[in-house]
Amino acid sequence: MENETGKDQVLTVINREIFKGGLVEDILSFTDEEIVLKTKLGGLRVCGKGLKLSDFSVENGTIELMGKVNSAVFSEIKEKRSFFKGLFR
């Protein structure tokens, strides 16, 4: 399947203890049980226990997490509507 970035998004989970991902643009939220990422292909939520950020590079678009990884779920990112934009419509 062709995507608009021209690159493949590769996700790696090693022994459910290390998560590595690519094409990451931003970290939208972060707790020790859930991390929500903005990637070039949409949203990505990683759930687990004791999750810690071990590496994140905006320039390379890579992230590495440590902890017990239970799931990684893709989703569409809904842009939050500005309060002021709605007020002046």
Protein backbone atom coordinates (compact mmCIF):
# COMPACT_ATOMS: atom_id res chain seq x y z
CA MET A 1 0.00 0.00 0.00
CA GLU A 2 1.47 3.32 -1.08
CA ASN A 3 1.43 6.23 1.39
CA GLU A 4 1.98 9.92 0.84
CA THR A 5 5.29 10.02 2.72
CA GLY A 6 7.01 7.61 0.36
CA LYS A 7 8.44 5.79 3.41
CA ASP A 8 7.28 2.74 5.30
CA GLN A 9 6.27 3.08 8.93
CA VAL A 10 8.10 0.39 10.87
CA LEU A 11 7.10 -0.57 14.40
CA THR A 12 9.13 -3.05 16.44
CA VAL A 13 8.27 -4.67 19.77
CA ILE A 14 11.01 -6.68 21.42
CA ASN A 15 9.87 -9.18 24.10
CA ARG A 16 7.01 -6.78 24.98
CA GLU A 17 9.62 -4.68 26.81
CA ILE A 18 10.94 -2.34 24.11
CA PHE A 19 8.87 -0.47 21.52
CA LYS A 20 10.52 1.27 18.56
CA GLY A 21 8.66 3.34 15.99
CA GLY A 22 9.29 5.56 13.00
CA LEU A 23 7.65 8.48 11.18
CA VAL A 24 6.78 10.03 14.58
CA GLU A 25 6.11 13.78 14.50
CA ASP A 26 5.00 14.53 18.06
CA ILE A 27 4.03 13.11 21.45
CA LEU A 28 0.46 14.23 22.16
CA SER A 29 0.12 12.73 25.65
CA PHE A 30 2.24 10.61 27.92
CA THR A 31 1.62 8.60 31.10
CA ASP A 32 3.25 5.44 32.37
CA GLU A 33 0.27 3.47 30.99
CA GLU A 34 -0.54 5.23 27.70
CA ILE A 35 1.40 7.20 25.12
CA VAL A 36 -0.40 8.90 22.23
CA LEU A 37 1.75 9.78 19.24
CA LYS A 38 1.17 11.80 16.09
CA THR A 39 2.80 10.06 13.16
CA LYS A 40 2.95 10.96 9.49
CA LEU A 41 0.31 8.28 8.88
CA GLY A 42 -2.08 9.23 11.71
CA GLY A 43 -2.43 8.66 15.42
CA LEU A 44 -0.82 5.82 17.33
CA ARG A 45 -1.64 4.88 20.92
CA VAL A 46 0.74 2.59 22.82
CA CYS A 47 -0.64 1.07 26.03
CA GLY A 48 1.15 -0.84 28.75
CA LYS A 49 2.58 -0.55 32.25
CA GLY A 50 5.62 1.32 33.46
CA LEU A 51 6.18 2.92 30.06
CA LYS A 52 9.19 5.23 29.90
CA LEU A 53 10.56 7.28 27.05
CA SER A 54 14.13 6.18 26.36
CA ASP A 55 14.69 8.02 23.07
CA PHE A 56 12.80 10.48 20.87
CA SER A 57 14.17 12.29 17.83
CA VAL A 58 11.99 14.79 15.97
CA GLU A 59 14.67 15.14 13.28
CA ASN A 60 14.73 11.38 12.56
CA GLY A 61 11.08 10.77 13.44
CA THR A 62 11.97 7.92 15.77
CA ILE A 63 10.87 6.93 19.25
CA GLU A 64 11.89 4.22 21.70
CA LEU A 65 9.88 3.24 24.77
CA MET A 66 10.67 0.81 27.56
CA GLY A 67 8.24 -0.97 29.87
CA LYS A 68 5.58 -3.66 29.43
CA VAL A 69 3.89 -3.10 26.06
CA ASN A 70 0.31 -4.42 25.90
CA SER A 71 -0.94 -2.88 22.65
CA ALA A 72 -0.34 -0.44 19.83
CA VAL A 73 -3.48 0.92 18.15
CA PHE A 74 -3.74 3.19 15.12
CA SER A 75 -6.38 5.92 14.96
CA GLU A 76 -7.28 9.06 13.10
CA ILE A 77 -6.25 12.29 14.83
CA LYS A 78 -9.07 14.73 15.19
CA GLU A 79 -7.85 18.28 15.11
CA LYS A 80 -9.05 20.13 18.17
CA ARG A 81 -11.25 23.02 17.23
CA SER A 82 -10.17 26.29 18.71
CA PHE A 83 -12.61 27.88 21.15
CA PHE A 84 -12.06 31.28 19.57
CA LYS A 85 -12.52 29.98 16.01
CA GLY A 86 -15.93 28.62 16.95
CA LEU A 87 -16.85 31.79 18.79
CA PHE A 88 -16.27 34.08 15.79
CA ARG A 89 -17.94 31.86 13.15
